[in-house]
PDB file of N, CA and C in Angstrom:
ATOM      1  N   MET A   1       2.117 -39.007  21.173  1.00  0.00           N
ATOM      2  CA  MET A   1       0.938 -38.620  20.218  1.00  0.00           C
ATOM      3  C   MET A   1      -0.548 -38.995  21.128  1.00  0.00           C
ATOM      4  N   THR A   2      -0.716 -37.795  20.651  1.00  0.00           N
ATOM      5  CA  THR A   2      -2.624 -37.524  21.368  1.00  0.00           C
ATOM      6  C   THR A   2      -3.613 -38.251  20.684  1.00  0.00           C
ATOM      7  N   LYS A   3      -4.355 -38.916  20.816  1.00  0.00           N
ATOM      8  CA  LYS A   3      -5.849 -39.390  20.192  1.00  0.00           C
ATOM      9  C   LYS A   3      -6.081 -38.314  19.406  1.00  0.00           C
ATOM     10  N   LYS A   4      -6.970 -39.007  18.300  1.00  0.00           N
ATOM     11  CA  LYS A   4      -7.751 -37.671  17.448  1.00  0.00           C
ATOM     12  C   LYS A   4      -8.655 -37.129  18.136  1.00  0.00           C
ATOM     13  N   VAL A   5      -9.338 -36.284  17.774  1.00  0.00           N
ATOM     14  CA  VAL A   5     -10.678 -35.427  19.191  1.00  0.00           C
ATOM     15  C   VAL A   5     -11.731 -36.250  17.758  1.00  0.00           C
ATOM     16  N   VAL A   6     -12.007 -36.173  16.379  1.00  0.00           N
ATOM     17  CA  VAL A   6     -13.004 -36.710  15.943  1.00  0.00           C
ATOM     18  C   VAL A   6     -12.778 -37.953  15.250  1.00  0.00           C
ATOM     19  N   LYS A   7     -13.506 -38.724  14.816  1.00  0.00           N
ATOM     20  CA  LYS A   7     -13.040 -39.603  13.325  1.00  0.00           C
ATOM     21  C   LYS A   7     -13.784 -38.929  12.139  1.00  0.00           C
ATOM     22  N   LEU A   8     -12.951 -39.229  11.172  1.00  0.00           N
ATOM     23  CA  LEU A   8     -13.384 -39.164   9.615  1.00  0.00           C
ATOM     24  C   LEU A   8     -14.906 -40.014   9.546  1.00  0.00           C
ATOM     25  N   ARG A   9     -15.932 -39.095   8.913  1.00  0.00           N
ATOM     26  CA  ARG A   9     -17.206 -40.058   9.020  1.00  0.00           C
ATOM     27  C   ARG A   9     -17.685 -39.050   7.291  1.00  0.00           C
ATOM     28  N   ALA A  10     -18.038 -40.040   6.988  1.00  0.00           N
ATOM     29  CA  ALA A  10     -18.573 -39.868   5.130  1.00  0.00           C
ATOM     30  C   ALA A  10     -20.021 -38.910   5.519  1.00  0.00           C
ATOM     31  N   VAL A  11     -20.205 -38.333   4.590  1.00  0.00           N
ATOM     32  CA  VAL A  11     -21.578 -37.105   4.398  1.00  0.00           C
ATOM     33  C   VAL A  11     -22.309 -37.663   3.011  1.00  0.00           C
ATOM     34  N   LYS A  12     -23.294 -38.171   3.023  1.00  0.00           N
ATOM     35  CA  LYS A  12     -23.934 -38.696   2.320  1.00  0.00           C
ATOM     36  C   LYS A  12     -24.871 -37.682   1.306  1.00  0.00           C
ATOM     37  N   PRO A  13     -24.778 -37.549  -0.075  1.00  0.00           N
ATOM     38  CA  PRO A  13     -25.170 -36.249  -0.916  1.00  0.00           C
ATOM     39  C   PRO A  13     -26.909 -36.233  -0.545  1.00  0.00           C
ATOM     40  N   THR A  14     -27.305 -35.378  -0.921  1.00  0.00           N
ATOM     41  CA  THR A  14     -28.668 -34.731  -0.693  1.00  0.00           C
ATOM     42  C   THR A  14     -29.396 -36.056  -2.238  1.00  0.00           C
ATOM     43  N   GLU A  15     -30.418 -36.490  -1.987  1.00  0.00           N
ATOM     44  CA  GLU A  15     -31.238 -37.725  -2.803  1.00  0.00           C
ATOM     45  C   GLU A  15     -31.082 -36.777  -4.179  1.00  0.00           C
ATOM     46  N   ASP A  16     -31.760 -35.561  -4.006  1.00  0.00           N
ATOM     47  CA  ASP A  16     -32.092 -34.822  -5.250  1.00  0.00           C
ATOM     48  C   ASP A  16     -31.382 -33.870  -5.955  1.00  0.00           C
ATOM     49  N   LYS A  17     -30.038 -34.006  -5.999  1.00  0.00           N
ATOM     50  CA  LYS A  17     -28.686 -33.898  -6.498  1.00  0.00           C
ATOM     51  C   LYS A  17     -29.182 -32.144  -6.885  1.00  0.00           C
ATOM     52  N   PRO A  18     -29.016 -30.862  -5.805  1.00  0.00           N
ATOM     53  CA  PRO A  18     -29.251 -30.157  -6.187  1.00  0.00           C
ATOM     54  C   PRO A  18     -28.355 -29.153  -6.635  1.00  0.00           C
ATOM     55  N   LYS A  19     -28.288 -28.192  -7.405  1.00  0.00           N
ATOM     56  CA  LYS A  19     -27.358 -27.509  -8.334  1.00  0.00           C
ATOM     57  C   LYS A  19     -26.506 -26.399  -7.347  1.00  0.00           C
ATOM     58  N   GLY A  20     -25.558 -26.836  -7.680  1.00  0.00           N
ATOM     59  CA  GLY A  20     -24.585 -26.025  -6.715  1.00  0.00           C
ATOM     60  C   GLY A  20     -23.916 -26.698  -5.115  1.00  0.00           C
ATOM     61  N   VAL A  21     -23.589 -26.165  -4.475  1.00  0.00           N
ATOM     62  CA  VAL A  21     -23.233 -26.913  -3.407  1.00  0.00           C
ATOM     63  C   VAL A  21     -24.009 -27.450  -2.445  1.00  0.00           C
ATOM     64  N   ASP A  22     -24.094 -28.762  -2.261  1.00  0.00           N
ATOM     65  CA  ASP A  22     -25.019 -29.980  -1.791  1.00  0.00           C
ATOM     66  C   ASP A  22     -25.306 -29.501  -0.081  1.00  0.00           C
ATOM     67  N   PRO A  23     -26.477 -29.396   0.154  1.00  0.00           N
ATOM     68  CA  PRO A  23     -26.903 -28.768   1.697  1.00  0.00           C
ATOM     69  C   PRO A  23     -26.206 -29.519   2.332  1.00  0.00           C
ATOM     70  N   ASN A  24     -26.326 -31.110   2.533  1.00  0.00           N
ATOM     71  CA  ASN A  24     -25.562 -31.914   3.456  1.00  0.00           C
ATOM     72  C   ASN A  24     -23.994 -31.278   3.685  1.00  0.00           C
ATOM     73  N   LEU A  25     -23.207 -30.900   2.933  1.00  0.00           N
ATOM     74  CA  LEU A  25     -22.134 -30.660   2.511  1.00  0.00           C
ATOM     75  C   LEU A  25     -21.881 -29.347   3.487  1.00  0.00           C
ATOM     76  N   LEU A  26     -22.975 -28.191   3.141  1.00  0.00           N
ATOM     77  CA  LEU A  26     -22.918 -27.320   3.837  1.00  0.00           C
ATOM     78  C   LEU A  26     -23.243 -27.445   5.558  1.00  0.00           C
ATOM     79  N   LEU A  27     -24.110 -28.233   5.772  1.00  0.00           N
ATOM     80  CA  LEU A  27     -24.423 -28.858   7.055  1.00  0.00           C
ATOM     81  C   LEU A  27     -22.844 -29.115   7.905  1.00  0.00           C
ATOM     82  N   THR A  28     -22.394 -29.937   7.065  1.00  0.00           N
ATOM     83  CA  THR A  28     -21.205 -30.628   7.574  1.00  0.00           C
ATOM     84  C   THR A  28     -20.103 -29.587   7.546  1.00  0.00           C
ATOM     85  N   ILE A  29     -19.782 -28.653   6.920  1.00  0.00           N
ATOM     86  CA  ILE A  29     -18.889 -27.604   7.541  1.00  0.00           C
ATOM     87  C   ILE A  29     -19.205 -26.643   8.153  1.00  0.00           C
ATOM     88  N   ALA A  30     -20.683 -26.410   8.627  1.00  0.00           N
ATOM     89  CA  ALA A  30     -21.297 -26.085  10.150  1.00  0.00           C
ATOM     90  C   ALA A  30     -20.379 -26.391  11.434  1.00  0.00           C
ATOM     91  N   GLU A  31     -21.128 -27.616  10.901  1.00  0.00           N
ATOM     92  CA  GLU A  31     -20.455 -28.784  12.537  1.00  0.00           C
ATOM     93  C   GLU A  31     -19.036 -29.077  12.711  1.00  0.00           C
ATOM     94  N   PHE A  32     -18.100 -28.788  11.526  1.00  0.00           N
ATOM     95  CA  PHE A  32     -16.821 -28.429  11.033  1.00  0.00           C
ATOM     96  C   PHE A  32     -16.293 -27.441  11.987  1.00  0.00           C
ATOM     97  N   THR A  33     -17.088 -26.232  11.927  1.00  0.00           N
ATOM     98  CA  THR A  33     -16.917 -24.985  12.559  1.00  0.00           C
ATOM     99  C   THR A  33     -16.736 -24.742  13.985  1.00  0.00           C
ATOM    100  N   ALA A  34     -18.079 -25.454  14.060  1.00  0.00           N
ATOM    101  CA  ALA A  34     -18.334 -25.572  15.517  1.00  0.00           C
ATOM    102  C   ALA A  34     -17.546 -26.468  16.238  1.00  0.00           C
ATOM    103  N   ILE A  35     -17.110 -27.285  15.833  1.00  0.00           N
ATOM    104  CA  ILE A  35     -16.040 -28.449  16.664  1.00  0.00           C
ATOM    105  C   ILE A  35     -14.255 -27.454  16.279  1.00  0.00           C
ATOM    106  N   MET A  36     -14.179 -27.048  15.824  1.00  0.00           N
ATOM    107  CA  MET A  36     -13.111 -25.915  15.520  1.00  0.00           C
ATOM    108  C   MET A  36     -13.039 -25.017  16.780  1.00  0.00           C
ATOM    109  N   GLU A  37     -14.446 -24.397  16.842  1.00  0.00           N
ATOM    110  CA  GLU A  37     -14.685 -23.414  17.757  1.00  0.00           C
ATOM    111  C   GLU A  37     -14.166 -24.214  19.253  1.00  0.00           C
ATOM    112  N   SER A  38     -15.172 -25.000  19.406  1.00  0.00           N
ATOM    113  CA  SER A  38     -15.007 -25.668  20.485  1.00  0.00           C
ATOM    114  C   SER A  38     -13.786 -26.265  21.350  1.00  0.00           C
ATOM    115  N   TYR A  39     -12.948 -26.783  20.246  1.00  0.00           N
ATOM    116  CA  TYR A  39     -11.343 -27.205  20.662  1.00  0.00           C
ATOM    117  C   TYR A  39     -10.495 -26.022  20.387  1.00  0.00           C
ATOM    118  N   GLU A  40     -10.840 -25.186  20.247  1.00  0.00           N
ATOM    119  CA  GLU A  40     -10.180 -23.868  19.533  1.00  0.00           C
ATOM    120  C   GLU A  40      -8.871 -24.339  19.154  1.00  0.00           C
ATOM    121  N   ALA A  41      -9.259 -24.612  17.854  1.00  0.00           N
ATOM    122  CA  ALA A  41      -8.388 -24.952  16.375  1.00  0.00           C
ATOM    123  C   ALA A  41      -7.802 -23.710  16.118  1.00  0.00           C
ATOM    124  N   LYS A  42      -6.301 -24.368  15.755  1.00  0.00           N
ATOM    125  CA  LYS A  42      -5.488 -23.123  15.664  1.00  0.00           C
ATOM    126  C   LYS A  42      -5.263 -23.196  14.320  1.00  0.00           C
ATOM    127  N   ALA A  43      -5.617 -24.333  13.431  1.00  0.00           N
ATOM    128  CA  ALA A  43      -5.081 -24.224  11.818  1.00  0.00           C
ATOM    129  C   ALA A  43      -5.933 -25.462  11.608  1.00  0.00           C
ATOM    130  N   PHE A  44      -6.332 -25.618  10.212  1.00  0.00           N
ATOM    131  CA  PHE A  44      -6.719 -26.571   9.271  1.00  0.00           C
ATOM    132  C   PHE A  44      -6.360 -26.498   8.065  1.00  0.00           C
ATOM    133  N   ALA A  45      -6.950 -27.674   7.236  1.00  0.00           N
ATOM    134  CA  ALA A  45      -6.562 -28.181   6.087  1.00  0.00           C
ATOM    135  C   ALA A  45      -7.847 -28.404   4.998  1.00  0.00           C
ATOM    136  N   ALA A  46      -8.032 -28.179   4.002  1.00  0.00           N
ATOM    137  CA  ALA A  46      -9.071 -28.684   3.551  1.00  0.00           C
ATOM    138  C   ALA A  46      -8.793 -28.735   1.970  1.00  0.00           C
ATOM    139  N   VAL A  47      -9.586 -29.663   1.249  1.00  0.00           N
ATOM    140  CA  VAL A  47      -9.605 -30.132  -0.204  1.00  0.00           C
ATOM    141  C   VAL A  47     -10.735 -30.139  -0.751  1.00  0.00           C
ATOM    142  N   ALA A  48     -11.042 -29.428  -2.011  1.00  0.00           N
ATOM    143  CA  ALA A  48     -12.622 -29.369  -2.410  1.00  0.00           C
ATOM    144  C   ALA A  48     -12.629 -30.452  -3.616  1.00  0.00           C
ATOM    145  N   VAL A  49     -13.671 -31.509  -3.777  1.00  0.00           N
ATOM    146  CA  VAL A  49     -13.115 -32.162  -4.988  1.00  0.00           C
ATOM    147  C   VAL A  49     -14.608 -32.219  -5.416  1.00  0.00           C
ATOM    148  N   ASN A  50     -15.181 -32.388  -7.015  1.00  0.00           N
ATOM    149  CA  ASN A  50     -16.049 -32.410  -7.383  1.00  0.00           C
ATOM    150  C   ASN A  50     -16.755 -33.700  -7.750  1.00  0.00           C
ATOM    151  N   GLU A  51     -17.854 -33.984  -8.802  1.00  0.00           N
ATOM    152  CA  GLU A  51     -18.567 -35.269  -8.424  1.00  0.00           C
ATOM    153  C   GLU A  51     -17.254 -36.583  -9.332  1.00  0.00           C
ATOM    154  N   ALA A  52     -16.526 -35.681 -10.417  1.00  0.00           N
ATOM    155  CA  ALA A  52     -15.601 -36.525 -10.884  1.00  0.00           C
ATOM    156  C   ALA A  52     -14.846 -36.861 -10.415  1.00  0.00           C
ATOM    157  N   GLY A  53     -14.587 -36.555  -9.109  1.00  0.00           N
ATOM    158  CA  GLY A  53     -12.890 -36.815  -8.012  1.00  0.00           C
ATOM    159  C   GLY A  53     -12.057 -35.678  -8.425  1.00  0.00           C
ATOM    160  N   GLU A  54     -12.278 -34.795  -9.268  1.00  0.00           N
ATOM    161  CA  GLU A  54     -10.976 -33.942  -9.727  1.00  0.00           C
ATOM    162  C   GLU A  54     -11.304 -32.767  -8.317  1.00  0.00           C
ATOM    163  N   VAL A  55      -9.815 -32.838  -7.972  1.00  0.00           N
ATOM    164  CA  VAL A  55      -9.583 -31.853  -7.040  1.00  0.00           C
ATOM    165  C   VAL A  55      -9.586 -30.420  -7.382  1.00  0.00           C
ATOM    166  N   ILE A  56     -10.670 -29.601  -6.980  1.00  0.00           N
ATOM    167  CA  ILE A  56     -10.760 -28.406  -7.486  1.00  0.00           C
ATOM    168  C   ILE A  56      -9.841 -27.277  -6.771  1.00  0.00           C
ATOM    169  N   ASP A  57      -9.921 -27.490  -5.590  1.00  0.00           N
ATOM    170  CA  ASP A  57      -9.212 -26.310  -5.038  1.00  0.00           C
ATOM    171  C   ASP A  57      -8.548 -27.122  -3.537  1.00  0.00           C
ATOM    172  N   THR A  58      -7.416 -26.246  -2.836  1.00  0.00           N
ATOM    173  CA  THR A  58      -7.084 -26.877  -1.525  1.00  0.00           C
ATOM    174  C   THR A  58      -6.733 -25.767  -0.552  1.00  0.00           C
ATOM    175  N   TRP A  59      -6.839 -25.746   0.440  1.00  0.00           N
ATOM    176  CA  TRP A  59      -6.523 -24.468   1.366  1.00  0.00           C
ATOM    177  C   TRP A  59      -5.829 -25.705   2.699  1.00  0.00           C
ATOM    178  N   PHE A  60      -4.934 -24.297   3.147  1.00  0.00           N
ATOM    179  CA  PHE A  60      -4.485 -24.748   4.340  1.00  0.00           C
ATOM    180  C   PHE A  60      -4.138 -23.294   5.320  1.00  0.00           C
ATOM    181  N   THR A  61      -4.204 -23.670   6.532  1.00  0.00           N
ATOM    182  CA  THR A  61      -3.640 -22.213   7.321  1.00  0.00           C
ATOM    183  C   THR A  61      -2.049 -22.599   7.601  1.00  0.00           C
ATOM    184  N   ALA A  62      -1.915 -21.551   7.720  1.00  0.00           N
ATOM    185  CA  ALA A  62      -0.189 -21.465   9.115  1.00  0.00           C
ATOM    186  C   ALA A  62      -0.271 -22.821   9.979  1.00  0.00           C
ATOM    187  N   LEU A  63       0.866 -23.399   9.864  1.00  0.00           N
ATOM    188  CA  LEU A  63       0.967 -24.961  10.717  1.00  0.00           C
ATOM    189  C   LEU A  63       2.324 -25.342  10.595  1.00  0.00           C
ATOM    190  N   PRO A  64       3.031 -25.712  11.538  1.00  0.00           N
ATOM    191  CA  PRO A  64       4.033 -26.467  11.199  1.00  0.00           C
ATOM    192  C   PRO A  64       4.120 -27.555  10.084  1.00  0.00           C
ATOM    193  N   HIS A  65       5.196 -27.441   9.491  1.00  0.00           N
ATOM    194  CA  HIS A  65       4.921 -28.701   8.122  1.00  0.00           C
ATOM    195  C   HIS A  65       4.931 -30.408   8.620  1.00  0.00           C
ATOM    196  N   CYS A  66       5.221 -30.615   9.886  1.00  0.00           N
ATOM    197  CA  CYS A  66       5.096 -31.869  10.156  1.00  0.00           C
ATOM    198  C   CYS A  66       3.703 -32.119  10.623  1.00  0.00           C
ATOM    199  N   ALA A  67       3.496 -30.939  11.770  1.00  0.00           N
ATOM    200  CA  ALA A  67       1.493 -31.299  12.057  1.00  0.00           C
ATOM    201  C   ALA A  67       0.770 -31.187  10.782  1.00  0.00           C
ATOM    202  N   LEU A  68       0.755 -30.583   9.695  1.00  0.00           N
ATOM    203  CA  LEU A  68       0.254 -30.539   8.624  1.00  0.00           C
ATOM    204  C   LEU A  68       0.075 -31.922   8.025  1.00  0.00           C
ATOM    205  N   ILE A  69       1.220 -32.513   7.645  1.00  0.00           N
ATOM    206  CA  ILE A  69       1.643 -33.656   6.807  1.00  0.00           C
ATOM    207  C   ILE A  69       0.861 -34.546   7.909  1.00  0.00           C
ATOM    208  N   GLY A  70       1.364 -34.542   9.204  1.00  0.00           N
ATOM    209  CA  GLY A  70       1.076 -35.990   9.922  1.00  0.00           C
ATOM    210  C   GLY A  70      -0.642 -35.826   9.892  1.00  0.00           C
ATOM    211  N   GLY A  71      -1.402 -34.493   9.929  1.00  0.00           N
ATOM    212  CA  GLY A  71      -2.738 -34.760   9.963  1.00  0.00           C
ATOM    213  C   GLY A  71      -3.182 -35.283   9.083  1.00  0.00           C
ATOM    214  N   MET A  72      -2.477 -34.994   7.590  1.00  0.00           N
ATOM    215  CA  MET A  72      -2.992 -35.606   6.225  1.00  0.00           C
ATOM    216  C   MET A  72      -3.297 -36.961   6.205  1.00  0.00           C
ATOM    217  N   ASP A  73      -2.058 -37.368   6.905  1.00  0.00           N
ATOM    218  CA  ASP A  73      -1.964 -38.860   6.840  1.00  0.00           C
ATOM    219  C   ASP A  73      -2.738 -39.467   7.797  1.00  0.00           C
ATOM    220  N   MET A  74      -3.501 -39.032   8.582  1.00  0.00           N
ATOM    221  CA  MET A  74      -4.370 -39.564   9.507  1.00  0.00           C
ATOM    222  C   MET A  74      -5.765 -39.519   8.791  1.00  0.00           C
ATOM    223  N   MET A  75      -5.900 -38.677   8.370  1.00  0.00           N
ATOM    224  CA  MET A  75      -6.988 -38.303   7.581  1.00  0.00           C
ATOM    225  C   MET A  75      -7.043 -39.360   6.353  1.00  0.00           C
ATOM    226  N   LYS A  76      -5.541 -39.555   5.281  1.00  0.00           N
ATOM    227  CA  LYS A  76      -5.826 -40.653   4.503  1.00  0.00           C
ATOM    228  C   LYS A  76      -5.644 -41.733   5.239  1.00  0.00           C
ATOM    229  N   ASN A  77      -5.473 -42.618   6.237  1.00  0.00           N
ATOM    230  CA  ASN A  77      -5.237 -43.491   6.500  1.00  0.00           C
ATOM    231  C   ASN A  77      -6.417 -43.678   7.256  1.00  0.00           C
ATOM    232  N   ASP A  78      -7.493 -42.703   7.956  1.00  0.00           N
ATOM    233  CA  ASP A  78      -9.063 -43.159   8.647  1.00  0.00           C
ATOM    234  C   ASP A  78      -9.667 -43.210   7.171  1.00  0.00           C
ATOM    235  N   TYR A  79      -9.387 -42.532   6.111  1.00  0.00           N
ATOM    236  CA  TYR A  79     -10.439 -42.862   4.406  1.00  0.00           C
ATOM    237  C   TYR A  79     -10.160 -44.111   4.048  1.00  0.00           C
ATOM    238  N   LEU A  80      -8.920 -44.486   4.107  1.00  0.00           N
ATOM    239  CA  LEU A  80      -8.337 -45.347   3.411  1.00  0.00           C
ATOM    240  C   LEU A  80      -9.462 -46.755   4.052  1.00  0.00           C
ATOM    241  N   MET A  81      -8.972 -46.505   5.296  1.00  0.00           N
ATOM    242  CA  MET A  81      -9.731 -47.675   6.240  1.00  0.00           C
ATOM    243  C   MET A  81     -11.400 -47.760   6.583  1.00  0.00           C
ATOM    244  N   THR A  82     -12.136 -46.540   6.619  1.00  0.00           N
ATOM    245  CA  THR A  82     -13.352 -46.860   6.352  1.00  0.00           C
ATOM    246  C   THR A  82     -13.677 -47.563   5.092  1.00  0.00           C
ATOM    247  N   SER A  83     -12.893 -46.990   3.844  1.00  0.00           N
ATOM    248  CA  SER A  83     -13.493 -47.173   2.610  1.00  0.00           C
ATOM    249  C   SER A  83     -13.176 -49.003   2.237  1.00  0.00           C
ATOM    250  N   TRP A  84     -12.157 -49.381   3.317  1.00  0.00           N
ATOM    251  CA  TRP A  84     -11.910 -50.725   2.838  1.00  0.00           C
ATOM    252  C   TRP A  84     -12.912 -51.546   4.073  1.00  0.00           C
ATOM    253  N   MET A  85     -13.192 -50.857   5.150  1.00  0.00           N
ATOM    254  CA  MET A  85     -14.463 -51.733   6.213  1.00  0.00           C
ATOM    255  C   MET A  85     -15.647 -51.848   5.387  1.00  0.00           C
ATOM    256  N   ALA A  86     -16.161 -50.646   4.773  1.00  0.00           N
ATOM    257  CA  ALA A  86     -17.381 -50.674   3.849  1.00  0.00           C
ATOM    258  C   ALA A  86     -17.230 -51.772   2.523  1.00  0.00           C
ATOM    259  N   ASP A  87     -16.310 -51.915   1.796  1.00  0.00           N
ATOM    260  CA  ASP A  87     -16.050 -53.065   1.036  1.00  0.00           C
ATOM    261  C   ASP A  87     -15.994 -54.399   1.591  1.00  0.00           C
ATOM    262  N   GLN A  88     -15.830 -54.351   2.369  1.00  0.00           N
ATOM    263  CA  GLN A  88     -16.000 -55.811   3.298  1.00  0.00           C
ATOM    264  C   GLN A  88     -17.313 -56.194   3.338  1.00  0.00           C
ATOM    265  N   GLU A  89     -18.152 -55.110   4.448  1.00  0.00           N
ATOM    266  CA  GLU A  89     -19.343 -55.145   4.508  1.00  0.00           C
ATOM    267  C   GLU A  89     -20.038 -55.575   3.466  1.00  0.00           C
ATOM    268  N   ASP A  90     -20.126 -55.266   2.125  1.00  0.00           N
ATOM    269  CA  ASP A  90     -20.806 -55.259   1.312  1.00  0.00           C
ATOM    270  C   ASP A  90     -20.388 -57.039   0.427  1.00  0.00           C
ATOM    271  N   GLU A  91     -19.419 -57.459   0.787  1.00  0.00           N
ATOM    272  CA  GLU A  91     -19.105 -58.695   0.101  1.00  0.00           C
ATOM    273  C   GLU A  91     -20.062 -59.867   0.792  1.00  0.00           C
TER     274      GLU A  91
END
């Protein structure tokens, strides 16, 4: 199995709670697009979540099932580990 190209990282929301899409989120999407171009990505999966934690929508491109599920598992594990480490630092 190959190593991941990038690590999952949290994006802090803009302080003033703008109406609509958070500008920091838009910057992150632009970064994501640049990384996909740089590494010549052939597929992606995304989940949109609102402030209440409700999934608004999901998107994915054509990809072999095992690759998509493997990528989602990597993201889930990274997210859980990052959250766990942040909780440990708070204690």
